[in-house]
């Protein structure tokens, strides 16, 4: 997921991002029971992204703890923690949700116990999903208009020195 750079001015945009990511995350948590490897991969990527965003917000909070506006950052941290914890509570109901949740729990640092075939399928799904997301992000970015394209590098000849430069003066005086 593409996140907005953290600053006090961007906190409203970050709040909306957390809301959007939270709704997507809860939808994915609910649909894990279907066993779709693409959804499992998307869930894993989003969970990792949310956890890294949480760490970034916590770092920003610590760095700016004496700023009077920092309580807004603390509210965002709490909301993000609630999003992550709510999926764990939903996953405790049992079945495949609990199994996938325990296998993908990055915060515990445990490696999932998958068969080589399951591991290959999950890796393939994650790679496909990441490529798809990158293509979508690339398509969303507007192309610059009216900017000159950089000229391709010309031949291996050295550029001519400008009049009055040391190189030009050396050539006039006969020095190499």
Protein backbone atom coordinates (compact mmCIF):
# COMPACT_ATOMS: atom_id res chain seq x y z
CA UNK A 1 0.00 0.00 0.00
CA UNK A 2 1.21 3.47 -0.82
CA UNK A 3 1.24 5.64 2.32
CA UNK A 4 1.37 9.41 2.65
CA UNK A 5 4.55 10.82 4.16
CA UNK A 6 4.07 11.47 7.87
CA UNK A 7 3.94 15.09 8.94
CA UNK A 8 1.59 17.13 11.09
CA UNK A 9 0.08 18.71 7.97
CA UNK A 10 -0.73 15.30 6.46
CA UNK A 11 -2.48 13.81 9.52
CA UNK A 12 -6.02 14.19 8.05
CA UNK A 13 -4.96 12.30 4.91
CA UNK A 14 -3.30 9.63 7.05
CA UNK A 15 -6.51 9.28 9.04
CA UNK A 16 -8.45 8.56 5.85
CA UNK A 17 -5.80 6.07 4.75
CA UNK A 18 -6.14 4.21 8.05
CA UNK A 19 -9.93 4.12 7.66
CA UNK A 20 -9.67 2.77 4.09
CA UNK A 21 -7.00 0.23 4.99
CA UNK A 22 -9.00 -0.84 8.05
CA UNK A 23 -12.15 -1.52 6.03
CA UNK A 24 -10.17 -3.44 3.41
CA UNK A 25 -8.38 -5.37 6.14
CA UNK A 26 -11.62 -6.37 7.88
CA UNK A 27 -13.17 -7.46 4.56
CA UNK A 28 -10.13 -9.61 3.83
CA UNK A 29 -10.24 -11.08 7.33
CA UNK A 30 -13.87 -12.09 6.83
CA UNK A 31 -13.20 -13.62 3.42
CA UNK A 32 -10.19 -15.73 4.50
CA UNK A 33 -12.41 -18.76 5.02
CA UNK A 34 -12.83 -19.16 1.27
CA UNK A 35 -9.25 -20.39 0.91
CA UNK A 36 -8.38 -18.17 -2.06
CA UNK A 37 -4.58 -17.92 -2.18
CA UNK A 38 -4.74 -14.46 -3.76
CA UNK A 39 -6.81 -13.15 -0.85
CA UNK A 40 -4.46 -14.79 1.65
CA UNK A 41 -1.51 -13.11 -0.08
CA UNK A 42 -3.28 -9.75 -0.16
CA UNK A 43 -4.13 -10.14 3.53
CA UNK A 44 -0.50 -10.92 4.37
CA UNK A 45 0.80 -7.93 2.41
CA UNK A 46 -1.74 -5.57 3.95
CA UNK A 47 -0.99 -6.81 7.46
CA UNK A 48 2.74 -6.27 6.96
CA UNK A 49 2.04 -2.82 5.52
CA UNK A 50 -0.20 -1.87 8.46
CA UNK A 51 2.37 -3.08 10.98
CA UNK A 52 5.16 -1.10 9.32
CA UNK A 53 2.91 1.97 9.24
CA UNK A 54 2.24 1.52 12.94
CA UNK A 55 5.99 1.42 13.61
CA UNK A 56 6.51 4.57 11.51
CA UNK A 57 3.77 6.43 13.41
CA UNK A 58 5.24 5.33 16.74
CA UNK A 59 8.67 6.58 15.66
CA UNK A 60 7.16 9.92 14.58
CA UNK A 61 5.36 10.14 17.92
CA UNK A 62 8.59 9.54 19.88
CA UNK A 63 10.50 12.00 17.73
CA UNK A 64 7.89 14.76 18.28
CA UNK A 65 6.68 13.90 21.77
CA UNK A 66 6.98 17.49 23.02
CA UNK A 67 4.96 19.03 20.20
CA UNK A 68 1.45 20.04 21.36
CA UNK A 69 -0.10 18.44 18.24
CA UNK A 70 1.34 14.99 18.94
CA UNK A 71 -1.86 13.73 20.58
CA UNK A 72 -3.37 13.46 17.07
CA UNK A 73 -0.61 11.03 16.15
CA UNK A 74 -1.34 9.05 19.30
CA UNK A 75 -5.01 8.77 18.25
CA UNK A 76 -3.95 7.41 14.85
CA UNK A 77 -1.67 4.87 16.52
CA UNK A 78 -4.54 3.66 18.71
CA UNK A 79 -6.89 3.37 15.72
CA UNK A 80 -4.32 1.39 13.76
CA UNK A 81 -3.74 -0.92 16.73
CA UNK A 82 -7.51 -1.45 16.97
CA UNK A 83 -7.64 -2.44 13.30
CA UNK A 84 -4.90 -5.01 13.78
CA UNK A 85 -6.40 -6.35 17.02
CA UNK A 86 -9.94 -6.57 15.64
CA UNK A 87 -8.83 -9.03 12.97
CA UNK A 88 -7.14 -11.18 15.61
CA UNK A 89 -10.40 -11.32 17.57
CA UNK A 90 -12.33 -12.30 14.44
CA UNK A 91 -9.72 -14.94 13.65
CA UNK A 92 -10.12 -16.60 17.08
CA UNK A 93 -13.52 -18.03 16.08
CA UNK A 94 -11.76 -21.05 14.65
CA UNK A 95 -11.38 -22.78 11.33
CA UNK A 96 -9.25 -21.53 8.48
CA UNK A 97 -9.26 -17.95 9.73
CA UNK A 98 -7.47 -18.96 12.90
CA UNK A 99 -5.02 -21.13 10.98
CA UNK A 100 -4.15 -18.41 8.47
CA UNK A 101 -3.95 -15.78 11.21
CA UNK A 102 -1.48 -17.85 13.19
CA UNK A 103 0.59 -18.64 10.09
CA UNK A 104 0.75 -15.02 8.97
CA UNK A 105 1.33 -13.46 12.39
CA UNK A 106 4.41 -11.44 11.58
CA UNK A 107 4.53 -9.74 14.97
CA UNK A 108 5.44 -13.01 16.71
CA UNK A 109 8.29 -13.56 14.30
CA UNK A 110 7.34 -17.21 13.73
CA UNK A 111 7.76 -18.76 10.33
CA UNK A 112 4.62 -20.39 8.94
CA UNK A 113 4.64 -24.20 8.82
CA UNK A 114 3.68 -24.80 5.21
CA UNK A 115 4.39 -27.66 2.86
CA UNK A 116 6.74 -26.81 -0.02
CA UNK A 117 3.80 -26.83 -2.46
CA UNK A 118 1.74 -24.47 -0.26
CA UNK A 119 4.77 -22.24 0.21
CA UNK A 120 5.35 -22.07 -3.55
CA UNK A 121 1.68 -21.28 -4.22
CA UNK A 122 1.63 -18.55 -1.57
CA UNK A 123 4.88 -17.04 -2.86
CA UNK A 124 3.54 -17.09 -6.42
CA UNK A 125 0.30 -15.41 -5.32
CA UNK A 126 2.20 -12.72 -3.38
CA UNK A 127 4.46 -11.99 -6.34
CA UNK A 128 1.51 -11.78 -8.74
CA UNK A 129 -0.38 -9.53 -6.37
CA UNK A 130 2.62 -7.25 -5.83
CA UNK A 131 3.15 -6.96 -9.59
CA UNK A 132 -0.53 -6.20 -10.08
CA UNK A 133 -0.46 -3.50 -7.37
CA UNK A 134 2.67 -1.93 -8.88
CA UNK A 135 1.03 -1.83 -12.30
CA UNK A 136 -2.04 -0.15 -10.80
CA UNK A 137 0.10 2.41 -8.97
CA UNK A 138 2.04 3.12 -12.15
CA UNK A 139 -1.18 3.59 -14.13
CA UNK A 140 -2.51 6.05 -11.52
CA UNK A 141 0.50 8.37 -11.72
CA UNK A 142 -0.06 11.21 -14.20
CA UNK A 143 2.50 11.55 -16.95
CA UNK A 144 4.34 14.89 -16.97
CA UNK A 145 3.17 17.17 -19.73
CA UNK A 146 5.31 19.57 -21.69
CA UNK A 147 8.58 18.50 -20.13
CA UNK A 148 11.44 17.93 -22.51
CA UNK A 149 12.69 14.38 -22.64
CA UNK A 150 16.37 13.97 -21.76
CA UNK A 151 18.58 13.67 -24.80
CA UNK A 152 20.29 10.35 -25.28
CA UNK A 153 24.02 10.31 -24.60
CA UNK A 154 25.93 11.22 -27.74
CA UNK A 155 29.12 9.63 -28.98
CA UNK A 156 32.21 9.21 -26.83
CA UNK A 157 33.64 12.60 -27.83
CA UNK A 158 34.43 14.92 -24.97
CA UNK A 159 32.35 18.10 -24.85
CA UNK A 160 33.91 21.25 -26.24
CA UNK A 161 35.21 23.55 -23.50
CA UNK A 162 33.47 26.86 -23.00
CA UNK A 163 35.39 30.02 -23.88
CA UNK A 164 37.41 31.33 -20.94
CA UNK A 165 37.66 28.01 -19.09
CA UNK A 166 40.93 26.47 -17.95
CA UNK A 167 40.81 23.80 -20.67
CA UNK A 168 40.31 26.36 -23.41
CA UNK A 169 43.13 28.59 -22.10
CA UNK A 170 45.51 25.61 -21.92
CA UNK A 171 44.79 24.75 -25.53
CA UNK A 172 45.46 28.32 -26.67
CA UNK A 173 48.76 28.41 -24.80
CA UNK A 174 49.85 25.05 -26.22
CA UNK A 175 49.75 23.11 -22.92
CA UNK A 176 48.26 19.69 -22.72
